[in-house]
Amino acid sequence: MIVYIVQVQALVTADNRLELYRVLSEPMRLRLLAIAAQEELSIGELAELLAESQPNVSRHLAPLRRLDLVVVRKQGTRALVRLADRSRTDPVVADALEAGRALCAPDATFDRIAALVRRRDAASREFFSRAAVTRSASDAPPRPAELPAYLMALAPLIERRALVVDMGTGEGPLLDMLAPLFGKVLAVDREPAQLERARLRATQRGYDNIELLQGDLDAAAVGNRVRELGLADAVFASRMLHHAPRPAQAVAQLAGLVREGGAVIILDYLTHDDERMREEQADLWLGFAPDELVRFGEQAGLVDVQTRGVPALFRGEGPDRHLVWQTFSARRASATAG
């Protein structure tokens, strides 16, 4: 479960100004501050990036936390560090960030951050590639035969339903809901084996309005194809966000695929502490707090952001059925909205 460790006092007061200068006199802390402003990283990742031991990194983080310069949140056994929002408004901290960036320049620290984040994705890619190959087409759970008919009957209630994007479609379980509702479904996944199973599902069901596309969320081909089709009325991401190396960026990229007024729908887990999901299912993140998802949505320029819990009965029979699920829904703001 995510726990935010944040002090409630003001960032810097007259009484602790001297302490601020003292804390920011240490080069290692300046580098940590600059990195925290660039990317939220775990203490282990920070240690690797700086070629330091984790205890030494924690020791230097302690005074930064004490002065509310950084926020540390727990995710299972990991502690992740980012710059506190209020830190950016202090001129002394701004100077410290510039100094920290200069100290990081000689060894290209910021360039190595991107590679570090990409490595988060490696276990996830390997897991889904392996899982798709080992399953057979007969493994798919049954669905009520009349479900598409019910959904087709409901379709006129959706005002605009020309195009929907199923991002991270996997084996295509969501296609049974989307194909009867929308004129066209663009189903995207990065694993060819997963897409082949989705194609078999679509063929068996007789869906003729599904286009399959291989690619990552940030792939140019995905964005280009969605724009060619005129942007989506809705985009769905079912249990995908906890595999994204940068979840906030992923929400922003999902938002970029929908038209003004279009909907972004995410299904994912509430924060939990089951480390087995990281080891057995290649999960990068142990769920998200509702206010964290709201923050991601607002940072992406989305409006009408809402989260809701999912009843236990609706969580299926998979390896994640013991977790608490939640939905996130929001709309892309209109350019003319005041």
Protein backbone atom coordinates (compact mmCIF):
# COMPACT_ATOMS: atom_id res chain seq x y z
CA MET A 1 0.00 0.00 0.00
CA ILE A 2 1.38 3.43 -0.91
CA VAL A 3 2.18 5.59 2.09
CA TYR A 4 3.06 9.22 1.52
CA ILE A 5 5.69 10.50 3.93
CA VAL A 6 5.22 14.26 3.90
CA GLN A 7 5.79 16.82 6.62
CA VAL A 8 3.04 19.37 7.18
CA GLN A 9 5.14 22.40 8.15
CA ALA A 10 6.12 25.09 5.67
CA LEU A 11 8.98 24.29 3.30
CA VAL A 12 11.43 26.82 4.71
CA THR A 13 10.87 29.29 7.53
CA ALA A 14 13.10 31.88 9.14
CA ASP A 15 14.04 29.34 11.82
CA ASN A 16 15.27 26.66 9.44
CA ARG A 17 16.81 28.85 6.73
CA LEU A 18 20.29 28.26 8.07
CA GLU A 19 19.62 24.52 8.11
CA LEU A 20 18.54 24.70 4.46
CA TYR A 21 21.84 26.29 3.44
CA ARG A 22 23.76 23.69 5.43
CA VAL A 23 21.91 20.76 3.89
CA LEU A 24 22.37 22.11 0.37
CA SER A 25 26.11 22.54 0.82
CA GLU A 26 26.70 18.83 0.20
CA PRO A 27 27.29 17.89 -3.51
CA MET A 28 25.70 14.46 -3.15
CA ARG A 29 22.46 16.04 -1.89
CA LEU A 30 22.50 18.53 -4.75
CA ARG A 31 22.73 15.66 -7.23
CA LEU A 32 19.95 13.76 -5.47
CA LEU A 33 17.75 16.84 -5.53
CA ALA A 34 18.34 17.39 -9.26
CA ILE A 35 17.62 13.74 -10.07
CA ALA A 36 14.45 13.76 -7.95
CA ALA A 37 13.27 16.76 -9.96
CA GLN A 38 13.84 14.83 -13.18
CA GLU A 39 12.31 11.43 -12.35
CA GLU A 40 10.76 9.54 -9.46
CA LEU A 41 13.21 6.72 -8.71
CA SER A 42 13.60 4.13 -5.99
CA ILE A 43 16.44 4.38 -3.51
CA GLY A 44 17.99 1.33 -5.17
CA GLU A 45 17.82 3.00 -8.57
CA LEU A 46 19.33 6.19 -7.14
CA ALA A 47 22.16 4.17 -5.62
CA GLU A 48 22.85 2.49 -8.95
CA LEU A 49 22.72 5.77 -10.82
CA LEU A 50 25.15 7.46 -8.43
CA ALA A 51 27.37 4.38 -7.87
CA GLU A 52 26.73 4.67 -4.14
CA SER A 53 25.50 2.24 -1.49
CA GLN A 54 21.81 2.35 -0.60
CA PRO A 55 22.57 3.19 3.06
CA ASN A 56 24.65 6.17 1.94
CA VAL A 57 21.91 7.39 -0.38
CA SER A 58 19.35 7.03 2.43
CA ARG A 59 21.63 8.97 4.78
CA HIS A 60 21.84 11.90 2.35
CA LEU A 61 18.10 11.77 1.65
CA ALA A 62 17.22 12.06 5.33
CA PRO A 63 17.90 15.83 5.69
CA LEU A 64 16.21 16.51 2.34
CA ARG A 65 13.11 14.75 3.64
CA ARG A 66 13.31 16.55 6.96
CA LEU A 67 13.13 19.92 5.17
CA ASP A 68 10.33 18.70 2.85
CA LEU A 69 12.54 19.11 -0.21
CA VAL A 70 11.66 15.60 -1.42
CA VAL A 71 8.70 13.26 -0.97
CA VAL A 72 9.31 9.57 -0.28
CA ARG A 73 6.52 7.06 -0.78
CA LYS A 74 6.55 3.36 0.01
CA GLN A 75 5.54 0.70 -2.50
CA GLY A 76 5.88 -2.70 -0.91
CA THR A 77 9.55 -3.02 -0.01
CA ARG A 78 10.60 -0.12 -2.23
CA ALA A 79 10.87 3.56 -1.35
CA LEU A 80 10.47 6.00 -4.24
CA VAL A 81 11.76 9.57 -4.19
CA ARG A 82 10.57 12.64 -6.05
CA LEU A 83 10.99 16.39 -5.65
CA ALA A 84 8.30 17.97 -3.48
CA ASP A 85 6.10 20.32 -5.50
CA ARG A 86 6.65 23.16 -3.05
CA SER A 87 10.43 22.87 -3.48
CA ARG A 88 10.21 24.40 -6.95
CA THR A 89 8.93 27.73 -5.62
CA ASP A 90 11.89 28.51 -3.37
CA PRO A 91 14.69 30.55 -5.02
CA VAL A 92 17.41 28.91 -2.91
CA VAL A 93 16.21 25.46 -3.96
CA ALA A 94 16.04 26.64 -7.58
CA ASP A 95 19.72 27.59 -7.37
CA ALA A 96 20.48 24.24 -5.75
CA LEU A 97 18.72 22.43 -8.60
CA GLU A 98 20.85 24.28 -11.15
CA ALA A 99 23.99 23.37 -9.20
CA GLY A 100 22.86 19.75 -8.97
CA ARG A 101 22.21 19.56 -12.71
CA ALA A 102 25.70 20.93 -13.36
CA LEU A 103 27.19 18.27 -11.08
CA CYS A 104 25.26 15.56 -12.96
CA ALA A 105 26.43 16.73 -16.39
CA PRO A 106 30.00 15.26 -16.49
CA ASP A 107 28.87 11.63 -16.19
CA ALA A 108 25.63 12.12 -18.21
CA THR A 109 23.49 11.14 -15.24
CA PHE A 110 20.24 12.30 -16.82
CA ASP A 111 20.91 10.32 -20.01
CA ARG A 112 21.31 7.19 -17.89
CA ILE A 113 17.99 7.78 -16.14
CA ALA A 114 16.12 6.95 -19.36
CA ALA A 115 17.99 3.65 -19.68
CA LEU A 116 17.24 2.86 -16.04
CA VAL A 117 13.52 3.44 -16.56
CA ARG A 118 13.52 1.30 -19.71
CA ARG A 119 15.01 -1.56 -17.73
CA ARG A 120 11.94 -1.56 -15.48
CA ASP A 121 10.05 -2.78 -18.51
CA ALA A 122 12.29 -5.77 -19.31
CA ALA A 123 10.71 -8.22 -16.85
CA SER A 124 7.22 -7.22 -17.98
CA ARG A 125 8.06 -7.79 -21.65
CA GLU A 126 9.61 -11.18 -20.94
CA PHE A 127 6.66 -12.26 -18.81
CA PHE A 128 3.97 -11.43 -21.38
CA SER A 129 5.96 -12.87 -24.27
CA ARG A 130 6.44 -16.14 -22.38
CA ALA A 131 2.87 -16.31 -21.11
CA ALA A 132 1.33 -15.78 -24.53
CA VAL A 133 3.35 -18.61 -26.05
CA THR A 134 2.54 -21.15 -23.32
CA ARG A 135 -1.24 -20.68 -23.41
CA SER A 136 -3.53 -22.36 -25.90
CA ALA A 137 -6.61 -20.86 -27.53
CA SER A 138 -8.83 -23.11 -25.42
CA ASP A 139 -7.67 -21.37 -22.22
CA ALA A 140 -9.90 -18.33 -22.78
CA PRO A 141 -12.69 -18.21 -20.16
CA PRO A 142 -16.24 -18.45 -21.52
CA ARG A 143 -18.50 -15.44 -21.74
CA PRO A 144 -22.33 -15.30 -21.82
CA ALA A 145 -23.27 -16.01 -25.42
CA GLU A 146 -25.87 -13.23 -25.40
CA LEU A 147 -23.58 -10.53 -23.98
CA PRO A 148 -22.81 -8.85 -27.36
CA ALA A 149 -26.52 -8.60 -28.06
CA TYR A 150 -27.09 -6.77 -24.78
CA LEU A 151 -24.22 -4.40 -25.55
CA MET A 152 -25.46 -3.72 -29.08
CA ALA A 153 -28.81 -2.79 -27.58
CA LEU A 154 -27.08 -0.32 -25.25
CA ALA A 155 -24.86 1.20 -27.94
CA PRO A 156 -27.27 4.02 -28.97
CA LEU A 157 -26.94 5.44 -25.44
CA ILE A 158 -23.33 6.37 -26.24
CA GLU A 159 -23.39 9.68 -28.08
CA ARG A 160 -20.16 9.28 -30.04
CA ARG A 161 -18.82 5.80 -30.69
CA ALA A 162 -17.00 5.84 -34.03
CA LEU A 163 -13.60 4.71 -32.72
CA VAL A 164 -12.28 3.16 -29.53
CA VAL A 165 -8.69 2.18 -28.73
CA ASP A 166 -8.01 -0.90 -26.59
CA MET A 167 -4.46 -0.17 -25.44
CA GLY A 168 -2.64 -3.27 -24.19
CA THR A 169 -5.38 -5.54 -25.53
CA GLY A 170 -3.42 -8.69 -24.66
CA GLU A 171 -5.48 -11.72 -25.65
CA GLY A 172 -8.44 -9.46 -26.34
CA PRO A 173 -10.85 -10.04 -23.42
CA LEU A 174 -12.14 -6.47 -23.68
CA LEU A 175 -13.03 -6.92 -27.37
CA ASP A 176 -16.21 -8.75 -26.36
CA MET A 177 -17.40 -5.51 -24.78
CA LEU A 178 -16.00 -2.95 -27.21
CA ALA A 179 -16.73 -4.51 -30.60
CA PRO A 180 -20.55 -4.48 -30.15
CA LEU A 181 -20.50 -0.88 -28.87
CA PHE A 182 -18.17 0.96 -31.25
CA GLY A 183 -18.00 1.30 -34.99
CA LYS A 184 -14.29 0.51 -35.06
CA VAL A 185 -11.92 -0.95 -32.47
CA LEU A 186 -8.18 -0.41 -32.69
CA ALA A 187 -6.62 -3.12 -30.52
CA VAL A 188 -2.97 -2.41 -29.68
CA ASP A 189 -0.38 -4.63 -28.01
CA ARG A 190 3.39 -4.86 -28.18
CA GLU A 191 3.54 -8.68 -28.21
CA PRO A 192 2.82 -10.46 -31.54
CA ALA A 193 1.80 -13.66 -29.74
CA GLN A 194 -0.80 -11.77 -27.72
CA LEU A 195 -2.17 -10.10 -30.85
CA GLU A 196 -2.45 -13.45 -32.59
CA ARG A 197 -4.65 -14.72 -29.78
CA ALA A 198 -6.73 -11.54 -29.98
CA ARG A 199 -7.10 -12.11 -33.73
CA LEU A 200 -8.30 -15.67 -33.10
CA ARG A 201 -10.81 -14.39 -30.57
CA ALA A 202 -12.14 -11.78 -33.00
CA THR A 203 -12.40 -14.35 -35.78
CA GLN A 204 -14.19 -16.88 -33.60
CA ARG A 205 -16.65 -14.22 -32.43
CA GLY A 206 -17.25 -12.95 -35.96
CA TYR A 207 -16.19 -9.36 -35.22
CA ASP A 208 -15.37 -7.54 -38.45
CA ASN A 209 -14.72 -4.07 -37.01
CA ILE A 210 -11.43 -4.77 -35.22
CA GLU A 211 -8.01 -3.61 -36.41
CA LEU A 212 -4.96 -5.08 -34.68
CA LEU A 213 -1.80 -3.02 -34.35
CA GLN A 214 1.53 -4.03 -32.82
CA GLY A 215 3.26 -1.32 -30.84
CA ASP A 216 3.90 0.33 -27.49
CA LEU A 217 1.85 3.20 -26.15
CA ASP A 218 4.64 5.63 -27.04
CA ALA A 219 5.28 4.18 -30.50
CA ALA A 220 4.93 6.68 -33.34
CA ALA A 221 2.98 4.14 -35.40
CA VAL A 222 0.26 3.97 -32.75
CA GLY A 223 -0.23 7.73 -32.48
CA ASN A 224 -0.06 8.15 -36.25
CA ARG A 225 -2.68 5.48 -36.88
CA VAL A 226 -5.08 6.93 -34.29
CA ARG A 227 -4.72 10.38 -35.86
CA GLU A 228 -5.33 8.90 -39.33
CA LEU A 229 -8.58 7.47 -38.00
CA GLY A 230 -9.56 10.84 -36.54
CA LEU A 231 -8.70 10.37 -32.83
CA ALA A 232 -10.68 8.11 -30.54
CA ASP A 233 -13.98 8.68 -28.82
CA ALA A 234 -12.61 6.57 -25.97
CA VAL A 235 -9.44 4.75 -25.02
CA PHE A 236 -9.31 1.82 -22.62
CA ALA A 237 -6.29 0.55 -20.70
CA SER A 238 -7.18 -2.53 -18.69
CA ARG A 239 -4.60 -3.58 -16.05
CA MET A 240 -1.82 -2.02 -18.09
CA LEU A 241 -0.77 0.99 -16.01
CA HIS A 242 1.02 -1.06 -13.34
CA HIS A 243 3.37 -2.30 -16.09
CA ALA A 244 4.18 1.21 -17.38
CA PRO A 245 7.71 2.45 -16.54
CA ARG A 246 6.32 5.98 -16.14
CA PRO A 247 2.64 5.77 -15.17
CA ALA A 248 1.99 9.54 -15.20
CA GLN A 249 3.46 9.79 -18.68
CA ALA A 250 1.39 6.80 -19.81
CA VAL A 251 -1.82 8.54 -18.71
CA ALA A 252 -0.77 11.63 -20.66
CA GLN A 253 -0.10 9.49 -23.73
CA LEU A 254 -3.51 7.82 -23.42
CA ALA A 255 -5.08 11.28 -23.19
CA GLY A 256 -3.32 12.26 -26.41
CA LEU A 257 -5.17 9.53 -28.32
CA VAL A 258 -8.69 10.85 -27.67
CA ARG A 259 -10.58 13.74 -29.22
CA GLU A 260 -11.75 16.73 -27.22
CA GLY A 261 -14.46 15.45 -24.93
CA GLY A 262 -13.27 11.87 -25.46
CA ALA A 263 -12.95 9.49 -22.53
CA VAL A 264 -9.94 7.79 -20.96
CA ILE A 265 -10.89 4.65 -19.02
CA ILE A 266 -8.32 2.79 -16.92
CA LEU A 267 -8.79 -0.37 -14.89
CA ASP A 268 -6.04 -1.14 -12.40
CA TYR A 269 -5.29 -2.09 -8.81
CA LEU A 270 -5.57 -0.14 -5.63
CA THR A 271 -2.28 0.03 -3.73
CA HIS A 272 -1.29 -3.27 -2.13
CA ASP A 273 1.78 -4.90 -0.60
CA ASP A 274 1.82 -8.28 -2.36
CA GLU A 275 5.40 -8.46 -3.64
CA ARG A 276 4.58 -11.74 -5.36
CA MET A 277 2.84 -9.76 -8.11
CA ARG A 278 6.18 -8.14 -8.91
CA GLU A 279 7.97 -11.49 -8.94
CA GLU A 280 5.34 -13.71 -10.56
CA GLN A 281 3.43 -11.30 -12.83
CA ALA A 282 6.24 -8.80 -13.65
CA ASP A 283 4.25 -5.93 -12.13
CA LEU A 284 6.34 -2.76 -11.90
CA TRP A 285 4.00 -0.99 -9.46
CA LEU A 286 1.99 -2.39 -6.59
CA GLY A 287 -1.16 -0.53 -7.58
CA PHE A 288 -2.03 3.14 -7.19
CA ALA A 289 -3.77 5.28 -4.63
CA PRO A 290 -6.95 6.94 -5.98
CA ASP A 291 -5.54 10.44 -5.38
CA GLU A 292 -2.41 9.41 -7.29
CA LEU A 293 -4.52 8.45 -10.33
CA VAL A 294 -6.41 11.73 -10.02
CA ARG A 295 -3.09 13.60 -10.00
CA PHE A 296 -1.96 11.74 -13.12
CA GLY A 297 -5.21 12.67 -14.87
CA GLU A 298 -5.08 16.33 -13.91
CA GLN A 299 -1.44 16.59 -14.96
CA ALA A 300 -2.48 15.17 -18.34
CA GLY A 301 -5.07 17.94 -18.76
CA LEU A 302 -8.04 15.63 -18.21
CA VAL A 303 -11.25 16.76 -16.54
CA ASP A 304 -14.16 15.06 -14.75
CA VAL A 305 -11.66 12.67 -13.20
CA GLN A 306 -13.28 9.92 -11.12
CA THR A 307 -12.18 6.68 -9.49
CA ARG A 308 -14.39 3.84 -8.24
CA GLY A 309 -13.76 0.56 -6.48
CA VAL A 310 -14.63 -2.69 -8.25
CA PRO A 311 -16.68 -5.29 -6.32
CA ALA A 312 -14.83 -8.52 -5.53
CA LEU A 313 -17.33 -10.54 -7.56
CA PHE A 314 -16.16 -8.78 -10.73
CA ARG A 315 -12.45 -9.59 -10.40
CA GLY A 316 -12.48 -12.92 -12.22
CA GLU A 317 -10.49 -16.01 -11.29
CA GLY A 318 -6.99 -14.92 -12.28
CA PRO A 319 -3.84 -14.57 -10.15
CA ASP A 320 -4.85 -10.99 -9.27
CA ARG A 321 -8.34 -11.77 -8.01
CA HIS A 322 -7.26 -11.21 -4.39
CA LEU A 323 -6.32 -7.58 -5.08
CA VAL A 324 -8.70 -4.63 -4.87
CA TRP A 325 -9.41 -3.24 -8.35
CA GLN A 326 -10.47 0.29 -9.24
CA THR A 327 -11.62 2.18 -12.31
CA PHE A 328 -10.41 5.59 -13.48
CA SER A 329 -12.48 7.67 -15.89
CA ALA A 330 -11.87 11.15 -17.24
CA ARG A 331 -12.39 13.26 -20.33
CA ARG A 332 -10.05 15.31 -22.47
CA ALA A 333 -10.82 18.96 -21.92
CA SER A 334 -12.18 21.05 -24.76
CA ALA A 335 -9.84 23.76 -26.07
CA THR A 336 -12.70 26.25 -25.67
CA ALA A 337 -13.51 25.23 -22.10
CA GLY A 338 -13.20 28.10 -19.68
